[in-house]
N, C-alpha and C. Protein backbone atom coordinates (compact mmCIF):
# COMPACT_ATOMS: atom_id res chain seq x y z
N MET A 1 -69.43 42.63 -9.38
CA MET A 1 -69.55 41.60 -8.36
C MET A 1 -68.89 42.08 -7.06
N GLU A 2 -69.55 41.84 -5.95
CA GLU A 2 -69.06 42.30 -4.65
C GLU A 2 -67.91 41.42 -4.16
N THR A 3 -66.90 42.07 -3.60
CA THR A 3 -65.76 41.35 -3.05
C THR A 3 -66.11 40.87 -1.64
N ILE A 4 -65.75 39.64 -1.34
CA ILE A 4 -66.00 39.07 -0.01
C ILE A 4 -64.78 39.34 0.87
N ASN A 5 -65.03 39.93 2.01
CA ASN A 5 -63.96 40.22 2.96
C ASN A 5 -63.90 39.08 3.98
N VAL A 6 -63.07 38.10 3.68
CA VAL A 6 -62.95 36.91 4.54
C VAL A 6 -62.45 37.29 5.93
N ASP A 7 -61.54 38.27 6.01
CA ASP A 7 -61.03 38.70 7.32
C ASP A 7 -62.16 39.23 8.19
N ASN A 8 -63.10 39.96 7.59
CA ASN A 8 -64.24 40.49 8.33
C ASN A 8 -65.12 39.34 8.84
N ILE A 9 -65.35 38.35 8.02
CA ILE A 9 -66.15 37.18 8.44
C ILE A 9 -65.46 36.46 9.59
N LYS A 10 -64.14 36.28 9.46
CA LYS A 10 -63.39 35.61 10.54
C LYS A 10 -63.48 36.41 11.83
N ALA A 11 -63.36 37.74 11.74
CA ALA A 11 -63.44 38.60 12.93
C ALA A 11 -64.81 38.46 13.59
N GLN A 12 -65.87 38.43 12.79
CA GLN A 12 -67.22 38.30 13.34
C GLN A 12 -67.40 36.93 14.03
N MET A 13 -66.84 35.89 13.43
CA MET A 13 -66.94 34.56 14.04
C MET A 13 -66.20 34.53 15.38
N ARG A 14 -65.01 35.15 15.41
CA ARG A 14 -64.24 35.18 16.66
C ARG A 14 -64.97 35.94 17.76
N LYS A 15 -65.54 37.10 17.39
CA LYS A 15 -66.29 37.90 18.37
C LYS A 15 -67.42 37.08 18.97
N GLY A 16 -68.06 36.30 18.13
CA GLY A 16 -69.20 35.51 18.58
C GLY A 16 -68.85 34.45 19.61
N ILE A 17 -67.61 33.96 19.56
CA ILE A 17 -67.25 32.90 20.52
C ILE A 17 -66.33 33.40 21.64
N LEU A 18 -65.96 34.66 21.59
CA LEU A 18 -65.04 35.19 22.59
C LEU A 18 -65.61 35.12 24.01
N GLU A 19 -66.89 35.44 24.18
CA GLU A 19 -67.48 35.38 25.51
C GLU A 19 -67.46 33.95 26.06
N TYR A 20 -67.71 33.00 25.19
CA TYR A 20 -67.64 31.58 25.56
C TYR A 20 -66.21 31.22 25.99
N CYS A 21 -65.22 31.69 25.24
CA CYS A 21 -63.82 31.42 25.57
C CYS A 21 -63.44 32.02 26.93
N ILE A 22 -63.91 33.24 27.20
CA ILE A 22 -63.60 33.89 28.48
C ILE A 22 -64.16 33.08 29.64
N LEU A 23 -65.41 32.66 29.53
CA LEU A 23 -66.01 31.84 30.60
C LEU A 23 -65.24 30.54 30.76
N SER A 24 -64.82 29.94 29.65
CA SER A 24 -64.06 28.69 29.71
C SER A 24 -62.74 28.88 30.44
N ILE A 25 -62.04 29.97 30.12
CA ILE A 25 -60.75 30.24 30.78
C ILE A 25 -60.95 30.47 32.27
N LEU A 26 -61.95 31.28 32.63
CA LEU A 26 -62.16 31.60 34.04
C LEU A 26 -62.73 30.43 34.83
N SER A 27 -63.29 29.43 34.14
CA SER A 27 -63.78 28.24 34.85
C SER A 27 -62.62 27.44 35.43
N LYS A 28 -61.41 27.68 34.91
CA LYS A 28 -60.21 26.97 35.39
C LYS A 28 -59.54 27.71 36.54
N GLY A 29 -59.95 28.96 36.79
CA GLY A 29 -59.35 29.73 37.87
C GLY A 29 -59.43 31.22 37.59
N ASP A 30 -59.33 32.01 38.64
CA ASP A 30 -59.40 33.46 38.53
C ASP A 30 -58.21 33.97 37.71
N ALA A 31 -58.42 35.08 37.01
CA ALA A 31 -57.35 35.64 36.18
C ALA A 31 -57.57 37.13 35.98
N TYR A 32 -56.48 37.83 35.68
CA TYR A 32 -56.62 39.24 35.31
C TYR A 32 -56.50 39.33 33.79
N VAL A 33 -56.79 40.49 33.24
CA VAL A 33 -56.95 40.63 31.79
C VAL A 33 -55.74 40.12 31.01
N SER A 34 -54.54 40.46 31.45
CA SER A 34 -53.34 40.01 30.72
C SER A 34 -53.27 38.49 30.66
N ASN A 35 -53.64 37.81 31.75
CA ASN A 35 -53.65 36.34 31.76
C ASN A 35 -54.64 35.80 30.72
N ILE A 36 -55.82 36.40 30.69
CA ILE A 36 -56.86 35.96 29.78
C ILE A 36 -56.40 36.16 28.33
N ILE A 37 -55.86 37.33 28.04
CA ILE A 37 -55.39 37.62 26.69
C ILE A 37 -54.27 36.65 26.29
N ASN A 38 -53.33 36.40 27.21
CA ASN A 38 -52.23 35.48 26.90
C ASN A 38 -52.74 34.08 26.61
N GLU A 39 -53.70 33.61 27.40
CA GLU A 39 -54.24 32.28 27.15
C GLU A 39 -54.96 32.22 25.81
N LEU A 40 -55.69 33.27 25.47
CA LEU A 40 -56.35 33.32 24.17
C LEU A 40 -55.32 33.30 23.04
N LYS A 41 -54.25 34.09 23.18
CA LYS A 41 -53.22 34.16 22.14
C LYS A 41 -52.50 32.82 22.01
N GLU A 42 -52.21 32.16 23.14
CA GLU A 42 -51.56 30.85 23.09
C GLU A 42 -52.42 29.84 22.34
N SER A 43 -53.73 30.03 22.38
CA SER A 43 -54.65 29.16 21.68
C SER A 43 -54.95 29.66 20.26
N GLU A 44 -54.20 30.69 19.86
CA GLU A 44 -54.33 31.29 18.53
C GLU A 44 -55.64 32.04 18.31
N MET A 45 -56.25 32.49 19.41
CA MET A 45 -57.42 33.37 19.34
C MET A 45 -56.88 34.77 19.60
N ILE A 46 -56.71 35.54 18.54
CA ILE A 46 -56.10 36.87 18.65
C ILE A 46 -57.16 37.87 19.12
N VAL A 47 -56.83 38.61 20.15
CA VAL A 47 -57.74 39.62 20.70
C VAL A 47 -56.91 40.76 21.26
N VAL A 48 -57.44 41.97 21.16
CA VAL A 48 -56.73 43.13 21.70
C VAL A 48 -57.36 43.53 23.03
N GLU A 49 -56.54 44.15 23.87
CA GLU A 49 -56.98 44.51 25.22
C GLU A 49 -58.24 45.38 25.19
N GLY A 50 -58.32 46.29 24.22
CA GLY A 50 -59.47 47.18 24.14
C GLY A 50 -60.79 46.46 23.91
N THR A 51 -60.73 45.26 23.35
CA THR A 51 -61.92 44.44 23.13
C THR A 51 -62.36 43.76 24.42
N MET A 52 -61.39 43.44 25.26
CA MET A 52 -61.66 42.64 26.45
C MET A 52 -62.47 43.39 27.51
N TYR A 53 -62.12 44.63 27.78
CA TYR A 53 -62.76 45.34 28.89
C TYR A 53 -64.28 45.49 28.72
N PRO A 54 -64.76 45.89 27.55
CA PRO A 54 -66.23 45.97 27.40
C PRO A 54 -66.90 44.60 27.56
N LEU A 55 -66.25 43.55 27.03
CA LEU A 55 -66.81 42.20 27.16
C LEU A 55 -66.87 41.77 28.63
N LEU A 56 -65.77 41.98 29.35
CA LEU A 56 -65.73 41.59 30.76
C LEU A 56 -66.73 42.39 31.58
N THR A 57 -66.87 43.68 31.27
CA THR A 57 -67.85 44.52 31.98
C THR A 57 -69.26 44.01 31.72
N ARG A 58 -69.56 43.67 30.45
CA ARG A 58 -70.89 43.17 30.12
C ARG A 58 -71.16 41.85 30.86
N GLN A 59 -70.17 40.96 30.86
CA GLN A 59 -70.36 39.68 31.56
C GLN A 59 -70.52 39.89 33.07
N LYS A 60 -69.80 40.85 33.62
CA LYS A 60 -69.95 41.16 35.05
C LYS A 60 -71.35 41.70 35.31
N ASN A 61 -71.82 42.63 34.47
CA ASN A 61 -73.15 43.22 34.65
C ASN A 61 -74.26 42.19 34.48
N GLN A 62 -73.99 41.14 33.71
CA GLN A 62 -74.97 40.06 33.53
C GLN A 62 -74.92 39.06 34.69
N GLY A 63 -73.97 39.25 35.61
CA GLY A 63 -73.85 38.35 36.75
C GLY A 63 -73.07 37.08 36.46
N LEU A 64 -72.36 37.04 35.32
CA LEU A 64 -71.60 35.85 34.94
C LEU A 64 -70.21 35.85 35.57
N LEU A 65 -69.71 37.06 35.87
CA LEU A 65 -68.38 37.21 36.46
C LEU A 65 -68.44 38.13 37.67
N SER A 66 -67.46 37.97 38.53
CA SER A 66 -67.23 38.92 39.61
C SER A 66 -65.74 39.30 39.52
N TYR A 67 -65.33 40.28 40.31
CA TYR A 67 -63.91 40.62 40.32
C TYR A 67 -63.50 41.08 41.71
N ARG A 68 -62.20 41.06 41.93
CA ARG A 68 -61.61 41.57 43.17
C ARG A 68 -60.29 42.23 42.82
N TRP A 69 -59.88 43.19 43.63
CA TRP A 69 -58.59 43.83 43.44
C TRP A 69 -57.56 43.10 44.27
N GLU A 70 -56.37 42.90 43.70
CA GLU A 70 -55.30 42.23 44.42
C GLU A 70 -54.02 43.03 44.24
N GLU A 71 -53.31 43.24 45.35
CA GLU A 71 -52.04 43.98 45.27
C GLU A 71 -51.05 43.22 44.39
N SER A 72 -50.23 43.98 43.69
CA SER A 72 -49.22 43.39 42.80
C SER A 72 -47.84 43.80 43.28
N THR A 73 -46.89 42.87 43.18
CA THR A 73 -45.51 43.20 43.54
C THR A 73 -44.88 44.08 42.46
N GLN A 74 -45.47 44.07 41.26
CA GLN A 74 -44.94 44.85 40.14
C GLN A 74 -45.99 45.83 39.65
N GLY A 75 -46.08 46.97 40.29
CA GLY A 75 -47.00 48.00 39.82
C GLY A 75 -48.29 48.09 40.60
N PRO A 76 -49.31 48.65 39.96
CA PRO A 76 -50.59 48.90 40.66
C PRO A 76 -51.36 47.60 40.92
N PRO A 77 -52.39 47.68 41.78
CA PRO A 77 -53.21 46.49 42.04
C PRO A 77 -53.84 45.97 40.74
N ARG A 78 -54.11 44.68 40.72
CA ARG A 78 -54.70 44.06 39.54
C ARG A 78 -56.12 43.62 39.82
N LYS A 79 -56.96 43.74 38.81
CA LYS A 79 -58.36 43.32 38.92
C LYS A 79 -58.44 41.86 38.44
N TYR A 80 -58.74 40.97 39.37
CA TYR A 80 -58.87 39.55 39.03
C TYR A 80 -60.35 39.21 38.84
N TYR A 81 -60.63 38.56 37.72
CA TYR A 81 -62.00 38.16 37.40
C TYR A 81 -62.20 36.70 37.81
N ALA A 82 -63.44 36.40 38.22
CA ALA A 82 -63.81 35.03 38.60
C ALA A 82 -65.18 34.73 38.01
N ILE A 83 -65.40 33.47 37.66
CA ILE A 83 -66.70 33.06 37.14
C ILE A 83 -67.65 32.84 38.32
N THR A 84 -68.88 33.26 38.20
CA THR A 84 -69.89 33.08 39.25
C THR A 84 -70.64 31.76 39.02
N ASP A 85 -71.50 31.41 39.95
CA ASP A 85 -72.33 30.21 39.77
C ASP A 85 -73.23 30.37 38.54
N LYS A 86 -73.76 31.57 38.35
CA LYS A 86 -74.57 31.83 37.15
C LYS A 86 -73.73 31.67 35.89
N GLY A 87 -72.49 32.16 35.94
CA GLY A 87 -71.57 32.02 34.81
C GLY A 87 -71.27 30.56 34.50
N LYS A 88 -71.11 29.75 35.57
CA LYS A 88 -70.86 28.31 35.37
C LYS A 88 -72.06 27.64 34.72
N ALA A 89 -73.26 28.04 35.11
CA ALA A 89 -74.47 27.47 34.52
C ALA A 89 -74.58 27.85 33.04
N VAL A 90 -74.27 29.10 32.73
CA VAL A 90 -74.30 29.56 31.33
C VAL A 90 -73.22 28.81 30.53
N LEU A 91 -72.05 28.63 31.12
CA LEU A 91 -70.98 27.90 30.44
C LEU A 91 -71.40 26.47 30.11
N GLU A 92 -72.07 25.81 31.04
CA GLU A 92 -72.57 24.45 30.78
C GLU A 92 -73.52 24.44 29.59
N GLU A 93 -74.41 25.44 29.51
CA GLU A 93 -75.33 25.55 28.37
C GLU A 93 -74.57 25.80 27.08
N LEU A 94 -73.57 26.68 27.14
CA LEU A 94 -72.79 27.00 25.95
C LEU A 94 -71.97 25.80 25.48
N ASP A 95 -71.51 24.96 26.41
CA ASP A 95 -70.80 23.74 26.03
C ASP A 95 -71.69 22.86 25.15
N ILE A 96 -72.96 22.76 25.53
CA ILE A 96 -73.91 21.95 24.76
C ILE A 96 -74.16 22.59 23.40
N VAL A 97 -74.38 23.90 23.40
CA VAL A 97 -74.62 24.62 22.15
C VAL A 97 -73.42 24.47 21.21
N TRP A 98 -72.21 24.61 21.76
CA TRP A 98 -71.00 24.50 20.95
C TRP A 98 -70.89 23.10 20.34
N ALA A 99 -71.09 22.06 21.15
CA ALA A 99 -71.00 20.69 20.64
C ALA A 99 -72.03 20.47 19.53
N ASP A 100 -73.24 20.98 19.72
CA ASP A 100 -74.28 20.85 18.69
C ASP A 100 -73.88 21.59 17.42
N LEU A 101 -73.35 22.79 17.58
CA LEU A 101 -72.95 23.60 16.43
C LEU A 101 -71.85 22.90 15.63
N VAL A 102 -70.85 22.38 16.32
CA VAL A 102 -69.77 21.65 15.65
C VAL A 102 -70.33 20.44 14.90
N ARG A 103 -71.24 19.72 15.54
CA ARG A 103 -71.86 18.55 14.91
C ARG A 103 -72.61 18.95 13.65
N VAL A 104 -73.41 20.01 13.73
CA VAL A 104 -74.20 20.47 12.59
C VAL A 104 -73.29 20.90 11.44
N ILE A 105 -72.25 21.66 11.76
CA ILE A 105 -71.35 22.12 10.70
C ILE A 105 -70.60 20.95 10.08
N ASP A 106 -70.17 19.99 10.91
CA ASP A 106 -69.54 18.78 10.37
C ASP A 106 -70.49 18.05 9.43
N ASN A 107 -71.77 17.95 9.80
CA ASN A 107 -72.76 17.30 8.94
C ASN A 107 -72.88 18.02 7.60
N ILE A 108 -72.95 19.35 7.66
CA ILE A 108 -73.09 20.13 6.43
C ILE A 108 -71.84 19.99 5.56
N ARG A 109 -70.67 20.11 6.17
CA ARG A 109 -69.41 20.07 5.42
C ARG A 109 -69.13 18.70 4.83
N ASN A 110 -69.59 17.66 5.49
CA ASN A 110 -69.24 16.29 5.07
C ASN A 110 -70.32 15.59 4.26
N LYS A 111 -71.36 16.29 3.85
CA LYS A 111 -72.41 15.68 3.02
C LYS A 111 -71.96 15.58 1.59
């Protein structure tokens, strides 16, 4: 009998919603990677920095995010990410999808 790797399933579920979480965080204001990671960790969504950069680059290339460089008083300039109008529109769609998904899963779990 095959062993089920629950940690792997959890990791896949987290990856699937990470892009949604990033858009949600940036909808509240511009942030650099450390800010985004800290907010995710405070919400108990564990993510490593190496995972963030490819995701942010993909979202930028899709036109969902933009960025700017800002001088820092502590070290090198920081890259601040911002959600674009297209990103806000996608976030609104994802909010609906998320609410529907939660409803469906609640229906399945509570039958």
